[in-house]
Amino acid sequence: MKKLFGTDGIRELATNDIFKRGSLNILSKAILGNGKYKKIVLGRDTRKSSPIIEKIFVESLKNQGAHIYLLGLISTPALSYLTKRLNCDLGIIISASHNLYQFNGIKFFNKNGEKLSDKNEKIIENNFFKFNKNKIINLKTGKIINIKQSKSYYKTNVISTIKEEKLRNKKVVVDCANGSTYKLARDIFTKFKIKAILINNKPNGTNINSKCGSLHPQNITKSVKKHSADFGISFDGDGDRIICCDEKGKIIDGDKILACLVKFYKERKIMKINGVVGTIMSNMGLENFVKNLGLNFYRSPVGDKFVYQLMLKKNCAIGGEQSGHIILREYSSSGDGILVALQLLFIISELKDKASKIFNLYKPYYQIQKNIKLKDSDKIKDIELKKLMNLYNEKLGNKGKVLIRASGTEPLIRIFLESKIISIISDLSKYILNSLKKKLRNN
């Protein structure tokens, strides 16, 4: 059966049929068909296709009887918060997150601001493929309510998590990825009297994530050194990821951010920490560090939705991904780059030390990541990838691990290797890459 949803909502090229009027009409009916989602809060990011999709989608939802609380340009974590704050049944953000502007997507949140469960995604998906676009009937007309104070609600909530005086006079470089945080970050950091040097904060519809943001942390590395800043912060296009660097320009990924937060929260007893959730790609160095703190470490599949679900299951207050999705359950039900940035600046202020010392908490294992871009004609089954992965893991034994998987957000096969000894995985990574390319050519 065809699939509509990937790892994180719906994501495709912005020119694909799913974002055209006929398909959005069907999607609206698929969402509202069972009468569960009457009140919907909806926002978008800065890519040029987002306002176009928003206009059609809002009209389609309204014609199916939905009451739409329209937020306009806003970050994904802000929409997550506002879904619950405004007492809505469903939150929808039009965004392709860290992808380039040529892509777009639709992410869904339940009434608690949590990513929609697989079960509820499946209901929408089944309805979508069942309905015929030529037989969509507008049953009744809903309402559109413009929420002008939406950003104020979110900013007030984030600001309330920090003592304002603690963050003054910090010089910080902030890469907004030409995305949804470019105004929010400016306003919030200004409120705290942080000396924020904002870069990539001039979105034009086509420059979101383009050689900037959390996928390109070299920007903050260069800028931190140039301005002699205390810290560097980099968000992705929709603001739910964060990658940092210290005053020397050394990159601080999601695993190192988690280590810092867990240690500080546990020592200061700021929140109850009984365990930490990472993913199958989390560094073994992080896992060993967490266990040495006397805490459990759990691994979920890749995807912040799966991290959050395991956090609920294991009753963990903190979890995240190496890619920069960090979830602090006490404050938010989704990854929130701005929120986490403030927490990290608070820790730096409290400890009165350089970031290079604060985040240097464990020796990471060596990791190599490779991607193979797929063409439309390329066909390879998940089961084939799993067989290959198991084969290479058997060869490695306890000397390391290999992960091979299809990306849930891009047309890629992702290859990941990890070991204490770099030479073990260096040659193997090249061999696996060439073998997979050959297999794709022969399929």
Protein backbone atom coordinates (compact mmCIF):
# COMPACT_ATOMS: atom_id res chain seq x y z
CA MET A 1 0.00 0.00 0.00
CA LYS A 2 1.17 3.56 -0.75
CA LYS A 3 2.33 5.60 2.20
CA LEU A 4 1.40 9.18 2.94
CA PHE A 5 3.28 9.65 6.23
CA GLY A 6 7.03 9.34 6.75
CA THR A 7 9.10 9.57 9.93
CA ASP A 8 7.82 13.07 10.66
CA GLY A 9 4.46 13.79 9.06
CA ILE A 10 4.10 14.24 5.30
CA ARG A 11 7.14 15.47 3.37
CA GLU A 12 7.74 15.69 -0.37
CA LEU A 13 8.91 18.06 -3.08
CA ALA A 14 6.73 21.17 -2.91
CA THR A 15 5.71 20.65 -6.55
CA ASN A 16 4.29 17.17 -5.90
CA ASP A 17 0.58 16.43 -6.14
CA ILE A 18 0.01 16.18 -2.37
CA PHE A 19 0.29 19.98 -2.11
CA LYS A 20 -2.15 20.70 -4.95
CA ARG A 21 -5.76 21.73 -4.39
CA GLY A 22 -7.32 18.35 -5.23
CA SER A 23 -5.11 16.39 -2.84
CA LEU A 24 -5.40 18.98 -0.05
CA ASN A 25 -9.21 18.76 -0.41
CA ILE A 26 -8.98 15.01 0.09
CA LEU A 27 -6.55 15.42 2.99
CA SER A 28 -8.93 17.89 4.67
CA LYS A 29 -11.78 15.40 4.43
CA ALA A 30 -9.49 12.60 5.62
CA ILE A 31 -8.59 14.65 8.70
CA LEU A 32 -12.10 15.84 9.53
CA GLY A 33 -14.05 12.77 8.38
CA ASN A 34 -14.49 11.18 11.80
CA GLY A 35 -15.46 14.43 13.55
CA LYS A 36 -12.56 14.18 16.03
CA TYR A 37 -10.72 17.35 15.01
CA LYS A 38 -13.09 20.31 15.02
CA LYS A 39 -10.74 23.06 16.23
CA ILE A 40 -7.44 23.24 14.34
CA VAL A 41 -4.48 25.56 14.91
CA LEU A 42 -2.36 26.07 11.79
CA GLY A 43 0.99 27.76 11.06
CA ARG A 44 3.78 27.75 8.47
CA ASP A 45 7.50 28.33 7.93
CA THR A 46 9.39 30.75 5.64
CA ARG A 47 9.74 28.72 2.42
CA LYS A 48 8.05 30.28 -0.62
CA SER A 49 5.59 27.41 -1.12
CA SER A 50 4.26 27.57 2.46
CA PRO A 51 1.86 30.58 2.10
CA ILE A 52 0.44 29.05 -1.11
CA ILE A 53 -0.16 25.67 0.53
CA GLU A 54 -1.53 27.42 3.64
CA LYS A 55 -4.11 29.37 1.62
CA ILE A 56 -5.45 26.28 -0.17
CA PHE A 57 -5.32 24.08 2.93
CA VAL A 58 -7.13 26.61 5.15
CA GLU A 59 -9.86 26.99 2.54
CA SER A 60 -10.22 23.20 2.23
CA LEU A 61 -10.40 22.68 6.01
CA LYS A 62 -12.90 25.54 6.39
CA ASN A 63 -15.11 24.06 3.69
CA GLN A 64 -15.16 20.80 5.61
CA GLY A 65 -16.43 22.58 8.73
CA ALA A 66 -13.22 23.16 10.72
CA HIS A 67 -12.65 26.18 12.93
CA ILE A 68 -9.09 27.23 12.06
CA TYR A 69 -6.95 29.28 14.43
CA LEU A 70 -4.49 30.84 12.01
CA LEU A 71 -1.02 31.67 13.36
CA GLY A 72 0.83 32.59 10.16
CA LEU A 73 4.64 32.37 10.28
CA ILE A 74 5.68 30.50 13.42
CA SER A 75 8.13 27.84 14.64
CA THR A 76 7.12 24.21 15.07
CA PRO A 77 7.68 24.17 18.88
CA ALA A 78 5.61 27.34 19.21
CA LEU A 79 2.76 25.70 17.31
CA SER A 80 3.08 22.59 19.49
CA TYR A 81 2.71 24.76 22.61
CA LEU A 82 -0.17 26.81 21.18
CA THR A 83 -2.18 23.74 20.16
CA LYS A 84 -2.59 22.98 23.86
CA ARG A 85 -2.67 26.63 24.99
CA LEU A 86 -5.55 27.46 22.64
CA ASN A 87 -7.41 24.27 23.55
CA CYS A 88 -7.45 22.99 19.96
CA ASP A 89 -8.06 19.41 18.83
CA LEU A 90 -5.24 19.35 16.28
CA GLY A 91 -2.15 21.35 15.41
CA ILE A 92 -0.82 21.56 11.84
CA ILE A 93 2.45 23.15 10.75
CA ILE A 94 3.34 23.53 7.08
CA SER A 95 7.09 22.96 7.06
CA ALA A 96 9.79 20.63 5.75
CA SER A 97 11.96 21.25 8.82
CA HIS A 98 15.67 20.97 7.91
CA ASN A 99 15.09 20.33 4.17
CA LEU A 100 15.82 22.88 1.46
CA TYR A 101 13.06 25.14 0.10
CA GLN A 102 12.26 22.77 -2.80
CA PHE A 103 10.62 20.46 -0.24
CA ASN A 104 7.64 21.07 1.98
CA GLY A 105 5.69 19.10 4.52
CA ILE A 106 2.79 18.89 6.94
CA LYS A 107 3.33 17.94 10.57
CA PHE A 108 0.48 17.11 12.93
CA PHE A 109 0.12 17.51 16.72
CA ASN A 110 -2.60 16.22 19.04
CA LYS A 111 -4.46 18.35 21.61
CA ASN A 112 -1.56 17.99 24.06
CA GLY A 113 0.94 19.38 21.57
CA GLU A 114 2.45 15.93 20.95
CA LYS A 115 3.24 14.44 17.54
CA LEU A 116 0.28 12.46 16.25
CA SER A 117 0.48 8.74 17.05
CA ASP A 118 1.08 6.11 14.36
CA LYS A 119 -2.49 4.91 14.91
CA ASN A 120 -4.04 8.32 14.22
CA GLU A 121 -1.71 8.92 11.27
CA LYS A 122 -2.86 5.59 9.85
CA ILE A 123 -6.53 6.61 10.12
CA ILE A 124 -5.86 9.80 8.15
CA GLU A 125 -3.71 7.89 5.65
CA ASN A 126 -6.36 5.20 5.07
CA ASN A 127 -9.05 7.85 4.61
CA PHE A 128 -6.87 9.78 2.17
CA PHE A 129 -6.36 6.84 -0.18
CA LYS A 130 -10.00 5.77 0.15
CA PHE A 131 -11.56 9.08 -0.89
CA ASN A 132 -11.99 10.12 -4.52
CA LYS A 133 -10.93 13.69 -5.29
CA ASN A 134 -13.77 14.04 -7.80
CA LYS A 135 -16.40 13.31 -5.16
CA ILE A 136 -15.34 15.71 -2.40
CA ILE A 137 -18.44 17.60 -1.25
CA ASN A 138 -18.26 20.70 0.94
CA LEU A 139 -20.55 19.71 3.81
CA LYS A 140 -20.54 22.98 5.77
CA THR A 141 -18.50 26.10 6.35
CA GLY A 142 -16.23 26.56 9.32
CA LYS A 143 -14.46 29.66 10.61
CA ILE A 144 -11.04 31.27 10.34
CA ILE A 145 -9.79 33.01 13.48
CA ASN A 146 -6.56 34.99 13.20
CA ILE A 147 -4.58 34.75 16.45
CA LYS A 148 -2.51 37.94 16.51
CA GLN A 149 -1.10 37.43 20.00
CA SER A 150 0.06 33.85 19.37
CA LYS A 151 3.79 34.66 19.43
CA SER A 152 3.35 36.59 22.68
CA TYR A 153 1.81 33.52 24.34
CA TYR A 154 4.77 31.38 23.29
CA LYS A 155 7.43 33.96 24.19
CA THR A 156 5.92 34.49 27.65
CA ASN A 157 5.95 30.74 28.28
CA VAL A 158 9.59 30.26 27.19
CA ILE A 159 10.81 33.32 29.08
CA SER A 160 9.12 32.08 32.28
CA THR A 161 11.50 29.09 32.44
CA ILE A 162 14.58 31.27 33.13
CA LYS A 163 15.60 33.92 35.66
CA GLU A 164 16.20 36.94 33.46
CA GLU A 165 19.15 38.44 35.32
CA LYS A 166 21.23 35.28 34.93
CA LEU A 167 21.74 35.66 31.16
CA ARG A 168 22.74 39.31 30.85
CA ASN A 169 25.87 40.36 28.98
CA LYS A 170 26.49 37.02 27.26
CA LYS A 171 27.73 37.42 23.70
CA VAL A 172 26.13 34.75 21.53
CA VAL A 173 26.05 34.04 17.80
CA VAL A 174 22.64 32.77 16.65
CA ASP A 175 22.11 31.15 13.24
CA CYS A 176 18.39 31.26 12.43
CA ALA A 177 18.68 29.17 9.23
CA ASN A 178 16.59 31.82 7.44
CA GLY A 179 13.68 30.02 9.04
CA SER A 180 10.84 30.36 11.52
CA THR A 181 12.93 31.49 14.50
CA TYR A 182 14.37 34.64 12.94
CA LYS A 183 11.96 37.02 14.75
CA LEU A 184 11.25 34.89 17.82
CA ALA A 185 14.96 34.45 18.59
CA ARG A 186 15.62 38.19 18.22
CA ASP A 187 12.74 39.14 20.52
CA ILE A 188 13.49 36.55 23.21
CA PHE A 189 17.25 37.12 23.35
CA THR A 190 16.67 40.89 23.42
CA LYS A 191 14.35 40.44 26.39
CA PHE A 192 17.19 38.77 28.30
CA LYS A 193 19.66 41.52 27.30
CA ILE A 194 21.83 38.88 25.61
CA LYS A 195 24.31 40.34 23.12
CA ALA A 196 22.93 38.26 20.26
CA ILE A 197 24.65 38.41 16.88
CA LEU A 198 22.01 37.03 14.51
CA ILE A 199 23.11 35.50 11.23
CA ASN A 200 21.05 33.95 8.42
CA ASN A 201 18.03 35.88 9.66
CA LYS A 202 16.80 37.31 6.34
CA PRO A 203 14.49 34.69 4.79
CA ASN A 204 13.51 35.24 1.15
CA GLY A 205 11.53 32.06 0.53
CA THR A 206 14.35 30.14 -1.11
CA ASN A 207 17.25 30.40 1.37
CA ILE A 208 15.82 28.40 4.29
CA ASN A 209 18.47 25.87 5.46
CA SER A 210 20.62 26.80 2.44
CA LYS A 211 24.22 26.36 3.64
CA CYS A 212 23.09 27.57 7.05
CA GLY A 213 21.41 26.40 10.23
CA SER A 214 21.97 23.26 12.27
CA LEU A 215 23.09 21.19 9.27
CA HIS A 216 25.91 23.68 8.63
CA PRO A 217 27.38 24.49 12.06
CA GLN A 218 30.60 25.73 10.49
CA ASN A 219 28.79 29.10 10.20
CA ILE A 220 28.59 29.59 13.96
CA THR A 221 32.13 28.25 14.36
CA LYS A 222 33.49 30.99 12.08
CA SER A 223 31.26 33.71 13.50
CA VAL A 224 32.00 32.89 17.16
CA LYS A 225 35.73 33.16 16.49
CA LYS A 226 35.29 36.36 14.47
CA HIS A 227 33.27 38.11 17.19
CA SER A 228 35.05 36.50 20.19
CA ALA A 229 31.66 35.30 21.40
CA ASP A 230 30.96 33.13 24.44
CA PHE A 231 28.77 30.64 22.61
CA GLY A 232 27.25 29.74 19.25
CA ILE A 233 23.70 28.52 18.64
CA SER A 234 22.28 27.14 15.41
CA PHE A 235 18.62 26.28 14.71
CA ASP A 236 17.04 24.46 11.77
CA GLY A 237 14.35 25.87 9.49
CA ASP A 238 11.39 25.22 11.78
CA GLY A 239 13.19 25.74 15.10
CA ASP A 240 12.86 22.32 16.73
CA ARG A 241 16.60 21.48 16.50
CA ILE A 242 19.65 23.06 18.08
CA ILE A 243 23.38 22.53 17.49
CA CYS A 244 25.94 24.67 19.35
CA CYS A 245 29.63 25.49 19.52
CA ASP A 246 31.88 26.63 22.36
CA GLU A 247 33.99 29.81 22.50
CA LYS A 248 36.77 28.01 20.59
CA GLY A 249 34.41 27.03 17.78
CA LYS A 250 34.20 23.34 18.69
CA ILE A 251 30.86 21.81 17.67
CA ILE A 252 28.49 20.68 20.43
CA ASP A 253 25.97 18.18 18.99
CA GLY A 254 22.72 16.90 20.48
CA ASP A 255 24.46 14.12 22.43
CA LYS A 256 26.81 16.58 24.15
CA ILE A 257 23.89 18.93 24.86
CA LEU A 258 22.03 16.04 26.50
CA ALA A 259 25.04 15.14 28.64
CA CYS A 260 25.37 18.72 29.90
CA LEU A 261 21.66 19.11 30.69
CA VAL A 262 21.40 15.74 32.46
CA LYS A 263 24.45 16.33 34.63
CA PHE A 264 23.37 19.84 35.64
CA TYR A 265 19.72 18.94 36.31
CA LYS A 266 20.70 15.88 38.35
CA GLU A 267 23.31 17.71 40.44
CA ARG A 268 21.10 20.75 41.08
CA LYS A 269 17.95 18.61 41.50
CA ILE A 270 16.13 20.95 39.12
CA MET A 271 13.97 18.12 37.81
CA LYS A 272 13.61 14.44 38.63
CA ILE A 273 15.95 12.51 36.33
CA ASN A 274 15.62 8.73 36.46
CA GLY A 275 16.73 7.99 32.94
CA VAL A 276 17.57 9.45 29.54
CA VAL A 277 16.21 8.56 26.10
CA GLY A 278 18.48 8.69 23.06
CA THR A 279 18.22 6.90 19.72
CA ILE A 280 19.95 4.01 17.98
CA MET A 281 22.41 6.63 16.64
CA SER A 282 23.32 8.16 20.01
CA ASN A 283 27.03 7.98 20.76
CA MET A 284 28.14 5.11 22.99
CA GLY A 285 30.23 7.67 24.87
CA LEU A 286 26.99 9.40 25.90
CA GLU A 287 25.40 6.13 26.99
CA ASN A 288 28.43 5.26 29.15
CA PHE A 289 28.43 8.78 30.64
CA VAL A 290 24.73 8.58 31.57
CA LYS A 291 25.14 5.13 33.11
CA ASN A 292 28.13 6.38 35.15
CA LEU A 293 25.78 8.99 36.62
CA GLY A 294 23.69 6.08 37.92
CA LEU A 295 20.94 6.58 35.36
CA ASN A 296 19.27 4.33 32.80
CA PHE A 297 19.84 5.00 29.10
CA TYR A 298 17.17 3.96 26.60
CA ARG A 299 17.33 3.95 22.79
CA SER A 300 14.41 4.64 20.46
CA PRO A 301 14.25 4.50 16.64
CA VAL A 302 15.42 7.68 14.86
CA GLY A 303 12.83 10.47 15.03
CA ASP A 304 11.86 12.87 17.83
CA LYS A 305 8.36 11.41 17.86
CA PHE A 306 9.78 8.02 18.85
CA VAL A 307 12.06 9.63 21.43
CA TYR A 308 9.06 11.30 23.05
CA GLN A 309 6.98 8.12 23.01
CA LEU A 310 9.75 6.20 24.79
CA MET A 311 10.14 9.07 27.27
CA LEU A 312 6.48 8.66 28.19
CA LYS A 313 6.80 4.89 28.43
CA LYS A 314 9.91 5.02 30.66
CA ASN A 315 8.76 8.16 32.53
CA CYS A 316 11.87 10.11 31.51
CA ALA A 317 12.04 13.90 31.81
CA ILE A 318 14.71 14.34 29.15
CA GLY A 319 15.57 12.83 25.78
CA GLY A 320 16.86 13.73 22.38
CA GLU A 321 18.78 13.04 19.21
CA GLN A 322 22.34 13.69 18.12
CA SER A 323 20.86 15.84 15.32
CA GLY A 324 19.68 18.37 17.90
CA HIS A 325 16.08 17.48 18.79
CA ILE A 326 16.13 17.90 22.58
CA ILE A 327 12.92 17.35 24.53
CA LEU A 328 12.46 18.62 28.10
CA ARG A 329 9.11 17.18 29.16
CA GLU A 330 8.65 19.56 32.07
CA TYR A 331 8.60 22.51 29.68
CA SER A 332 7.56 21.16 26.29
CA SER A 333 6.18 18.12 24.48
CA SER A 334 8.39 18.68 21.44
CA GLY A 335 11.96 19.64 20.59
CA ASP A 336 12.42 23.39 21.04
CA GLY A 337 15.67 25.05 19.93
CA ILE A 338 15.07 28.43 21.61
CA LEU A 339 13.97 26.87 24.90
CA VAL A 340 17.02 24.60 25.04
CA ALA A 341 19.33 27.49 24.07
CA LEU A 342 18.12 29.48 27.08
CA GLN A 343 18.63 26.48 29.35
CA LEU A 344 22.22 26.08 28.12
CA LEU A 345 22.98 29.79 28.56
CA PHE A 346 21.56 29.57 32.07
CA ILE A 347 23.90 26.65 32.85
CA ILE A 348 26.91 28.55 31.48
CA SER A 349 25.97 31.57 33.62
CA GLU A 350 25.43 29.43 36.74
CA LEU A 351 28.68 27.51 36.42
CA LYS A 352 30.66 30.68 35.62
CA ASP A 353 32.97 28.76 33.30
CA LYS A 354 33.86 28.55 29.62
CA ALA A 355 31.61 26.47 27.41
CA SER A 356 34.65 24.46 26.27
CA LYS A 357 35.00 23.08 29.81
CA ILE A 358 31.30 22.71 30.60
CA PHE A 359 30.50 20.53 27.57
CA ASN A 360 33.67 18.42 27.56
CA LEU A 361 32.10 15.62 29.60
CA TYR A 362 32.95 12.36 27.82
CA LYS A 363 35.13 10.95 25.08
CA PRO A 364 32.90 10.12 22.13
CA TYR A 365 33.27 6.96 20.07
CA TYR A 366 34.25 7.50 16.44
CA GLN A 367 31.29 7.73 14.09
CA ILE A 368 31.09 7.82 10.30
CA GLN A 369 27.91 8.78 8.46
CA LYS A 370 27.38 8.43 4.71
CA ASN A 371 24.34 9.05 2.51
CA ILE A 372 23.34 7.63 -0.86
CA LYS A 373 20.94 9.83 -2.79
CA LEU A 374 18.16 7.82 -4.39
CA LYS A 375 16.77 8.40 -7.86
CA ASP A 376 13.11 7.79 -8.71
CA SER A 377 14.12 4.58 -10.47
CA ASP A 378 16.07 3.21 -7.48
CA LYS A 379 14.34 0.38 -5.69
CA ILE A 380 15.55 -1.37 -2.58
CA LYS A 381 13.49 -2.99 0.15
CA ASP A 382 13.88 -2.33 3.88
CA ILE A 383 14.35 -6.06 4.39
CA GLU A 384 17.37 -6.05 2.05
CA LEU A 385 18.93 -3.16 4.00
CA LYS A 386 18.30 -5.01 7.26
CA LYS A 387 20.00 -8.17 5.94
CA LEU A 388 23.05 -6.17 4.86
CA MET A 389 23.18 -4.39 8.22
CA ASN A 390 23.00 -7.67 10.15
CA LEU A 391 25.75 -9.16 7.96
CA TYR A 392 28.19 -6.31 8.65
CA ASN A 393 27.35 -6.25 12.36
CA GLU A 394 28.18 -9.95 12.59
CA LYS A 395 31.57 -9.24 11.01
CA LEU A 396 32.27 -6.40 13.44
CA GLY A 397 31.19 -8.34 16.53
CA ASN A 398 31.74 -6.26 19.68
CA LYS A 399 34.22 -3.92 17.97
CA GLY A 400 31.53 -1.57 16.68
CA LYS A 401 28.15 -1.29 15.02
CA VAL A 402 26.60 -0.56 11.63
CA LEU A 403 23.19 0.96 10.89
CA ILE A 404 21.75 1.04 7.36
CA ARG A 405 18.29 2.53 6.84
CA ALA A 406 16.14 4.45 4.42
CA SER A 407 15.60 8.06 5.50
CA GLY A 408 12.07 8.90 6.58
CA THR A 409 12.36 12.55 5.49
CA GLU A 410 14.51 12.54 2.32
CA PRO A 411 15.16 10.22 -0.67
CA LEU A 412 18.33 8.82 0.90
CA ILE A 413 19.84 5.65 2.27
CA ARG A 414 21.71 6.49 5.46
CA ILE A 415 24.80 4.52 6.51
CA PHE A 416 26.13 4.87 10.05
CA LEU A 417 29.16 3.20 11.65
CA GLU A 418 30.54 3.53 15.19
CA SER A 419 33.60 2.17 16.98
CA LYS A 420 36.25 3.08 19.55
CA ILE A 421 38.84 2.51 16.82
CA ILE A 422 38.54 4.68 13.70
CA SER A 423 40.51 2.34 11.41
CA ILE A 424 37.96 -0.45 11.95
CA ILE A 425 35.10 1.53 10.44
CA SER A 426 36.97 3.77 7.98
CA ASP A 427 37.60 1.12 5.30
CA LEU A 428 34.32 -0.66 6.06
CA SER A 429 32.29 2.50 5.44
CA LYS A 430 33.78 2.83 1.94
CA TYR A 431 33.15 -0.85 1.21
CA ILE A 432 29.50 -0.64 2.32
CA LEU A 433 28.96 2.54 0.30
CA ASN A 434 30.34 1.01 -2.89
CA SER A 435 28.47 -2.27 -2.35
CA LEU A 436 25.13 -0.50 -1.95
CA LYS A 437 25.71 1.71 -4.99
CA LYS A 438 26.49 -1.40 -7.05
CA LYS A 439 23.37 -3.15 -5.72
CA LEU A 440 21.22 -0.16 -6.68
CA ARG A 441 22.67 -0.14 -10.21
CA ASN A 442 21.90 -3.84 -10.63
CA ASN A 443 18.35 -3.72 -9.25
